[in-house]
PDB file of N, CA and C in Angstrom:
ATOM      1  N   UNK A   1       0.846  -1.180   0.000  1.00  0.00           N
ATOM      2  CA  UNK A   1       0.000   0.000   0.000  1.00  0.00           C
ATOM      3  C   UNK A   1       0.893   1.245   0.000  1.00  0.00           C
ATOM      4  N   UNK A   2       0.650   2.180  -0.916  1.00  0.00           N
ATOM      5  CA  UNK A   2       1.442   3.417  -0.971  1.00  0.00           C
ATOM      6  C   UNK A   2       1.303   4.214   0.319  1.00  0.00           C
ATOM      7  N   UNK A   3       2.326   4.969   0.629  1.00  0.00           N
ATOM      8  CA  UNK A   3       2.297   5.751   1.863  1.00  0.00           C
ATOM      9  C   UNK A   3       2.990   7.087   1.664  1.00  0.00           C
ATOM     10  N   UNK A   4       2.547   8.031   2.429  1.00  0.00           N
ATOM     11  CA  UNK A   4       3.185   9.332   2.477  1.00  0.00           C
ATOM     12  C   UNK A   4       4.067   9.350   3.722  1.00  0.00           C
ATOM     13  N   UNK A   5       5.319   9.609   3.522  1.00  0.00           N
ATOM     14  CA  UNK A   5       6.263   9.735   4.639  1.00  0.00           C
ATOM     15  C   UNK A   5       6.551  11.221   4.821  1.00  0.00           C
ATOM     16  N   UNK A   6       6.982  11.590   6.015  1.00  0.00           N
ATOM     17  CA  UNK A   6       7.270  13.006   6.229  1.00  0.00           C
ATOM     18  C   UNK A   6       8.460  13.191   7.157  1.00  0.00           C
ATOM     19  N   UNK A   7       8.954  14.412   7.169  1.00  0.00           N
ATOM     20  CA  UNK A   7      10.084  14.816   7.999  1.00  0.00           C
ATOM     21  C   UNK A   7       9.656  15.848   9.035  1.00  0.00           C
ATOM     22  N   UNK A   8       8.390  15.843   9.387  1.00  0.00           N
ATOM     23  CA  UNK A   8       7.857  16.880  10.269  1.00  0.00           C
ATOM     24  C   UNK A   8       8.603  16.918  11.601  1.00  0.00           C
ATOM     25  N   UNK A   9       8.754  15.777  12.245  1.00  0.00           N
ATOM     26  CA  UNK A   9       9.402  15.750  13.564  1.00  0.00           C
ATOM     27  C   UNK A   9      10.811  16.330  13.489  1.00  0.00           C
ATOM     28  N   UNK A  10      11.580  15.913  12.479  1.00  0.00           N
ATOM     29  CA  UNK A  10      12.952  16.378  12.343  1.00  0.00           C
ATOM     30  C   UNK A  10      13.005  17.881  12.049  1.00  0.00           C
ATOM     31  N   UNK A  11      12.167  18.331  11.131  1.00  0.00           N
ATOM     32  CA  UNK A  11      12.138  19.747  10.767  1.00  0.00           C
ATOM     33  C   UNK A  11      11.666  20.604  11.940  1.00  0.00           C
ATOM     34  N   UNK A  12      10.664  20.130  12.647  1.00  0.00           N
ATOM     35  CA  UNK A  12      10.136  20.854  13.800  1.00  0.00           C
ATOM     36  C   UNK A  12      11.194  20.949  14.901  1.00  0.00           C
ATOM     37  N   UNK A  13      11.878  19.843  15.151  1.00  0.00           N
ATOM     38  CA  UNK A  13      12.921  19.825  16.173  1.00  0.00           C
ATOM     39  C   UNK A  13      14.075  20.753  15.850  1.00  0.00           C
ATOM     40  N   UNK A  14      14.460  20.788  14.570  1.00  0.00           N
ATOM     41  CA  UNK A  14      15.570  21.649  14.153  1.00  0.00           C
ATOM     42  C   UNK A  14      15.230  23.125  14.335  1.00  0.00           C
ATOM     43  N   UNK A  15      13.943  23.429  14.378  1.00  0.00           N
ATOM     44  CA  UNK A  15      13.508  24.812  14.527  1.00  0.00           C
ATOM     45  C   UNK A  15      13.016  25.121  15.941  1.00  0.00           C
ATOM     46  N   UNK A  16      13.124  24.142  16.813  1.00  0.00           N
ATOM     47  CA  UNK A  16      12.678  24.284  18.208  1.00  0.00           C
ATOM     48  C   UNK A  16      11.222  24.726  18.298  1.00  0.00           C
ATOM     49  N   UNK A  17      10.381  24.131  17.478  1.00  0.00           N
ATOM     50  CA  UNK A  17       8.942  24.411  17.481  1.00  0.00           C
ATOM     51  C   UNK A  17       8.253  23.232  18.164  1.00  0.00           C
ATOM     52  N   UNK A  18       7.382  23.501  19.117  1.00  0.00           N
ATOM     53  CA  UNK A  18       6.653  22.422  19.787  1.00  0.00           C
ATOM     54  C   UNK A  18       5.533  21.920  18.879  1.00  0.00           C
ATOM     55  N   UNK A  19       5.018  20.746  19.218  1.00  0.00           N
ATOM     56  CA  UNK A  19       3.882  20.212  18.471  1.00  0.00           C
ATOM     57  C   UNK A  19       2.701  21.168  18.552  1.00  0.00           C
ATOM     58  N   UNK A  20       2.477  21.744  19.714  1.00  0.00           N
ATOM     59  CA  UNK A  20       1.355  22.671  19.882  1.00  0.00           C
ATOM     60  C   UNK A  20       1.544  23.933  19.049  1.00  0.00           C
ATOM     61  N   UNK A  21       2.758  24.464  19.019  1.00  0.00           N
ATOM     62  CA  UNK A  21       3.025  25.660  18.218  1.00  0.00           C
ATOM     63  C   UNK A  21       2.783  25.383  16.738  1.00  0.00           C
ATOM     64  N   UNK A  22       3.231  24.228  16.265  1.00  0.00           N
ATOM     65  CA  UNK A  22       2.998  23.881  14.865  1.00  0.00           C
ATOM     66  C   UNK A  22       1.509  23.713  14.600  1.00  0.00           C
ATOM     67  N   UNK A  23       0.828  23.033  15.506  1.00  0.00           N
ATOM     68  CA  UNK A  23      -0.618  22.842  15.358  1.00  0.00           C
ATOM     69  C   UNK A  23      -1.339  24.183  15.266  1.00  0.00           C
ATOM     70  N   UNK A  24      -0.957  25.126  16.116  1.00  0.00           N
ATOM     71  CA  UNK A  24      -1.583  26.450  16.108  1.00  0.00           C
ATOM     72  C   UNK A  24      -1.326  27.177  14.793  1.00  0.00           C
ATOM     73  N   UNK A  25      -0.105  27.079  14.271  1.00  0.00           N
ATOM     74  CA  UNK A  25       0.231  27.751  13.010  1.00  0.00           C
ATOM     75  C   UNK A  25      -0.535  27.157  11.834  1.00  0.00           C
ATOM     76  N   UNK A  26      -0.763  25.845  11.887  1.00  0.00           N
ATOM     77  CA  UNK A  26      -1.405  25.147  10.769  1.00  0.00           C
ATOM     78  C   UNK A  26      -2.928  25.148  10.898  1.00  0.00           C
ATOM     79  N   UNK A  27      -3.416  25.288  12.123  1.00  0.00           N
ATOM     80  CA  UNK A  27      -4.862  25.269  12.340  1.00  0.00           C
ATOM     81  C   UNK A  27      -5.412  23.871  12.537  1.00  0.00           C
ATOM     82  N   UNK A  28      -4.604  23.000  13.143  1.00  0.00           N
ATOM     83  CA  UNK A  28      -5.036  21.639  13.462  1.00  0.00           C
ATOM     84  C   UNK A  28      -4.786  21.402  14.949  1.00  0.00           C
ATOM     85  N   UNK A  29      -5.174  20.239  15.435  1.00  0.00           N
ATOM     86  CA  UNK A  29      -4.930  19.917  16.841  1.00  0.00           C
ATOM     87  C   UNK A  29      -3.532  19.329  17.018  1.00  0.00           C
ATOM     88  N   UNK A  30      -3.071  19.351  18.236  1.00  0.00           N
ATOM     89  CA  UNK A  30      -1.779  18.741  18.560  1.00  0.00           C
ATOM     90  C   UNK A  30      -1.825  17.243  18.241  1.00  0.00           C
ATOM     91  N   UNK A  31      -2.965  16.616  18.473  1.00  0.00           N
ATOM     92  CA  UNK A  31      -3.110  15.191  18.177  1.00  0.00           C
ATOM     93  C   UNK A  31      -2.928  14.909  16.689  1.00  0.00           C
ATOM     94  N   UNK A  32      -3.352  15.839  15.842  1.00  0.00           N
ATOM     95  CA  UNK A  32      -3.160  15.686  14.400  1.00  0.00           C
ATOM     96  C   UNK A  32      -1.685  15.749  14.047  1.00  0.00           C
ATOM     97  N   UNK A  33      -0.951  16.668  14.673  1.00  0.00           N
ATOM     98  CA  UNK A  33       0.492  16.765  14.443  1.00  0.00           C
ATOM     99  C   UNK A  33       1.168  15.463  14.878  1.00  0.00           C
ATOM    100  N   UNK A  34       0.788  14.941  16.033  1.00  0.00           N
ATOM    101  CA  UNK A  34       1.356  13.679  16.517  1.00  0.00           C
ATOM    102  C   UNK A  34       1.098  12.566  15.506  1.00  0.00           C
ATOM    103  N   UNK A  35      -0.130  12.464  15.019  1.00  0.00           N
ATOM    104  CA  UNK A  35      -0.487  11.414  14.060  1.00  0.00           C
ATOM    105  C   UNK A  35       0.299  11.564  12.756  1.00  0.00           C
ATOM    106  N   UNK A  36       0.491  12.797  12.293  1.00  0.00           N
ATOM    107  CA  UNK A  36       1.284  13.014  11.083  1.00  0.00           C
ATOM    108  C   UNK A  36       2.722  12.596  11.311  1.00  0.00           C
ATOM    109  N   UNK A  37       3.294  12.988  12.446  1.00  0.00           N
ATOM    110  CA  UNK A  37       4.684  12.648  12.745  1.00  0.00           C
ATOM    111  C   UNK A  37       4.899  11.143  12.830  1.00  0.00           C
ATOM    112  N   UNK A  38       3.897  10.419  13.259  1.00  0.00           N
ATOM    113  CA  UNK A  38       3.993   8.970  13.390  1.00  0.00           C
ATOM    114  C   UNK A  38       3.566   8.233  12.118  1.00  0.00           C
ATOM    115  N   UNK A  39       3.348   8.977  11.031  1.00  0.00           N
ATOM    116  CA  UNK A  39       2.890   8.414   9.759  1.00  0.00           C
ATOM    117  C   UNK A  39       1.593   7.627   9.903  1.00  0.00           C
ATOM    118  N   UNK A  40       0.743   8.062  10.824  1.00  0.00           N
ATOM    119  CA  UNK A  40      -0.556   7.424  11.007  1.00  0.00           C
ATOM    120  C   UNK A  40      -1.670   8.216  10.335  1.00  0.00           C
ATOM    121  N   UNK A  41      -1.316   9.394   9.818  1.00  0.00           N
ATOM    122  CA  UNK A  41      -2.307  10.262   9.186  1.00  0.00           C
ATOM    123  C   UNK A  41      -1.651  11.004   8.043  1.00  0.00           C
ATOM    124  N   UNK A  42      -2.242  10.905   6.872  1.00  0.00           N
ATOM    125  CA  UNK A  42      -1.777  11.676   5.717  1.00  0.00           C
ATOM    126  C   UNK A  42      -2.676  12.894   5.589  1.00  0.00           C
ATOM    127  N   UNK A  43      -2.116  14.074   5.714  1.00  0.00           N
ATOM    128  CA  UNK A  43      -2.945  15.282   5.678  1.00  0.00           C
ATOM    129  C   UNK A  43      -3.470  15.572   4.275  1.00  0.00           C
ATOM    130  N   UNK A  44      -4.485  16.412   4.225  1.00  0.00           N
ATOM    131  CA  UNK A  44      -4.973  16.891   2.935  1.00  0.00           C
ATOM    132  C   UNK A  44      -3.862  17.704   2.283  1.00  0.00           C
ATOM    133  N   UNK A  45      -3.983  17.929   1.011  1.00  0.00           N
ATOM    134  CA  UNK A  45      -2.974  18.712   0.300  1.00  0.00           C
ATOM    135  C   UNK A  45      -2.864  20.116   0.885  1.00  0.00           C
ATOM    136  N   UNK A  46      -3.983  20.712   1.224  1.00  0.00           N
ATOM    137  CA  UNK A  46      -3.970  22.058   1.807  1.00  0.00           C
ATOM    138  C   UNK A  46      -3.226  22.065   3.142  1.00  0.00           C
ATOM    139  N   UNK A  47      -3.512  21.085   3.993  1.00  0.00           N
ATOM    140  CA  UNK A  47      -2.831  21.006   5.288  1.00  0.00           C
ATOM    141  C   UNK A  47      -1.348  20.729   5.105  1.00  0.00           C
ATOM    142  N   UNK A  48      -1.000  19.882   4.161  1.00  0.00           N
ATOM    143  CA  UNK A  48       0.410  19.590   3.892  1.00  0.00           C
ATOM    144  C   UNK A  48       1.158  20.861   3.489  1.00  0.00           C
ATOM    145  N   UNK A  49       0.545  21.671   2.633  1.00  0.00           N
ATOM    146  CA  UNK A  49       1.168  22.947   2.247  1.00  0.00           C
ATOM    147  C   UNK A  49       1.325  23.868   3.461  1.00  0.00           C
ATOM    148  N   UNK A  50       0.313  23.906   4.326  1.00  0.00           N
ATOM    149  CA  UNK A  50       0.385  24.750   5.520  1.00  0.00           C
ATOM    150  C   UNK A  50       1.500  24.288   6.456  1.00  0.00           C
ATOM    151  N   UNK A  51       1.661  22.973   6.609  1.00  0.00           N
ATOM    152  CA  UNK A  51       2.727  22.429   7.456  1.00  0.00           C
ATOM    153  C   UNK A  51       4.083  22.839   6.895  1.00  0.00           C
ATOM    154  N   UNK A  52       4.275  22.615   5.601  1.00  0.00           N
ATOM    155  CA  UNK A  52       5.552  22.966   4.968  1.00  0.00           C
ATOM    156  C   UNK A  52       5.830  24.460   5.113  1.00  0.00           C
ATOM    157  N   UNK A  53       4.824  25.285   4.887  1.00  0.00           N
ATOM    158  CA  UNK A  53       4.994  26.730   5.010  1.00  0.00           C
ATOM    159  C   UNK A  53       5.342  27.119   6.443  1.00  0.00           C
ATOM    160  N   UNK A  54       4.676  26.523   7.419  1.00  0.00           N
ATOM    161  CA  UNK A  54       4.943  26.829   8.825  1.00  0.00           C
ATOM    162  C   UNK A  54       6.362  26.431   9.221  1.00  0.00           C
ATOM    163  N   UNK A  55       6.891  25.406   8.557  1.00  0.00           N
ATOM    164  CA  UNK A  55       8.247  24.944   8.849  1.00  0.00           C
ATOM    165  C   UNK A  55       9.298  25.621   7.968  1.00  0.00           C
ATOM    166  N   UNK A  56       8.849  26.438   7.020  1.00  0.00           N
ATOM    167  CA  UNK A  56       9.765  27.189   6.164  1.00  0.00           C
ATOM    168  C   UNK A  56      10.484  26.348   5.131  1.00  0.00           C
ATOM    169  N   UNK A  57       9.812  25.288   4.657  1.00  0.00           N
ATOM    170  CA  UNK A  57      10.410  24.406   3.649  1.00  0.00           C
ATOM    171  C   UNK A  57       9.418  24.173   2.519  1.00  0.00           C
ATOM    172  N   UNK A  58       9.893  23.546   1.452  1.00  0.00           N
ATOM    173  CA  UNK A  58       8.998  23.200   0.356  1.00  0.00           C
ATOM    174  C   UNK A  58       8.204  21.950   0.731  1.00  0.00           C
ATOM    175  N   UNK A  59       7.143  21.720   0.019  1.00  0.00           N
ATOM    176  CA  UNK A  59       6.322  20.534   0.241  1.00  0.00           C
ATOM    177  C   UNK A  59       7.166  19.265   0.078  1.00  0.00           C
ATOM    178  N   UNK A  60       8.040  19.249  -0.920  1.00  0.00           N
ATOM    179  CA  UNK A  60       8.872  18.079  -1.190  1.00  0.00           C
ATOM    180  C   UNK A  60       9.902  17.834  -0.098  1.00  0.00           C
ATOM    181  N   UNK A  61      10.337  18.876   0.574  1.00  0.00           N
ATOM    182  CA  UNK A  61      11.283  18.711   1.681  1.00  0.00           C
ATOM    183  C   UNK A  61      10.601  18.134   2.914  1.00  0.00           C
ATOM    184  N   UNK A  62       9.316  18.342   3.018  1.00  0.00           N
ATOM    185  CA  UNK A  62       8.566  17.910   4.185  1.00  0.00           C
ATOM    186  C   UNK A  62       7.901  16.542   3.984  1.00  0.00           C
ATOM    187  N   UNK A  63       7.353  16.312   2.802  1.00  0.00           N
ATOM    188  CA  UNK A  63       6.604  15.082   2.523  1.00  0.00           C
ATOM    189  C   UNK A  63       7.188  14.349   1.329  1.00  0.00           C
ATOM    190  N   UNK A  64       7.227  13.016   1.432  1.00  0.00           N
ATOM    191  CA  UNK A  64       7.695  12.186   0.338  1.00  0.00           C
ATOM    192  C   UNK A  64       6.671  11.069   0.100  1.00  0.00           C
ATOM    193  N   UNK A  65       6.452  10.781  -1.174  1.00  0.00           N
ATOM    194  CA  UNK A  65       5.544   9.698  -1.547  1.00  0.00           C
ATOM    195  C   UNK A  65       6.363   8.438  -1.760  1.00  0.00           C
ATOM    196  N   UNK A  66       6.008   7.357  -1.088  1.00  0.00           N
ATOM    197  CA  UNK A  66       6.691   6.072  -1.214  1.00  0.00           C
ATOM    198  C   UNK A  66       5.698   5.069  -1.781  1.00  0.00           C
ATOM    199  N   UNK A  67       5.755   4.789  -3.105  1.00  0.00           N
ATOM    200  CA  UNK A  67       4.776   3.907  -3.721  1.00  0.00           C
ATOM    201  C   UNK A  67       4.856   2.466  -3.219  1.00  0.00           C
ATOM    202  N   UNK A  68       5.959   2.118  -2.586  1.00  0.00           N
ATOM    203  CA  UNK A  68       6.113   0.747  -2.082  1.00  0.00           C
ATOM    204  C   UNK A  68       6.020   0.674  -0.573  1.00  0.00           C
ATOM    205  N   UNK A  69       5.772   1.809   0.058  1.00  0.00           N
ATOM    206  CA  UNK A  69       5.708   1.865   1.514  1.00  0.00           C
ATOM    207  C   UNK A  69       4.446   1.265   2.061  1.00  0.00           C
ATOM    208  N   UNK A  70       4.480   0.995   3.339  1.00  0.00           N
ATOM    209  CA  UNK A  70       3.303   0.457   4.022  1.00  0.00           C
ATOM    210  C   UNK A  70       2.989   1.355   5.186  1.00  0.00           C
ATOM    211  N   UNK A  71       1.732   1.453   5.487  1.00  0.00           N
ATOM    212  CA  UNK A  71       1.284   2.217   6.645  1.00  0.00           C
ATOM    213  C   UNK A  71       1.204   1.296   7.820  1.00  0.00           C
TER     214      UNK A  71
END
């Protein structure tokens, strides 16, 4: 099953941004950020763009599509 992988935890940590701060910037709950970081939730395209923008990176730097990955 294809999967979306992300670098949210690493990017957030490098910027010293808490899960709550990122959630507030993106307009989602902290639980949503946790689920994204654990690859348990693939955000909508709009939310993915907001996450990347909040972290100051491109969408491709934040999210990667793995056609052979498993959730």
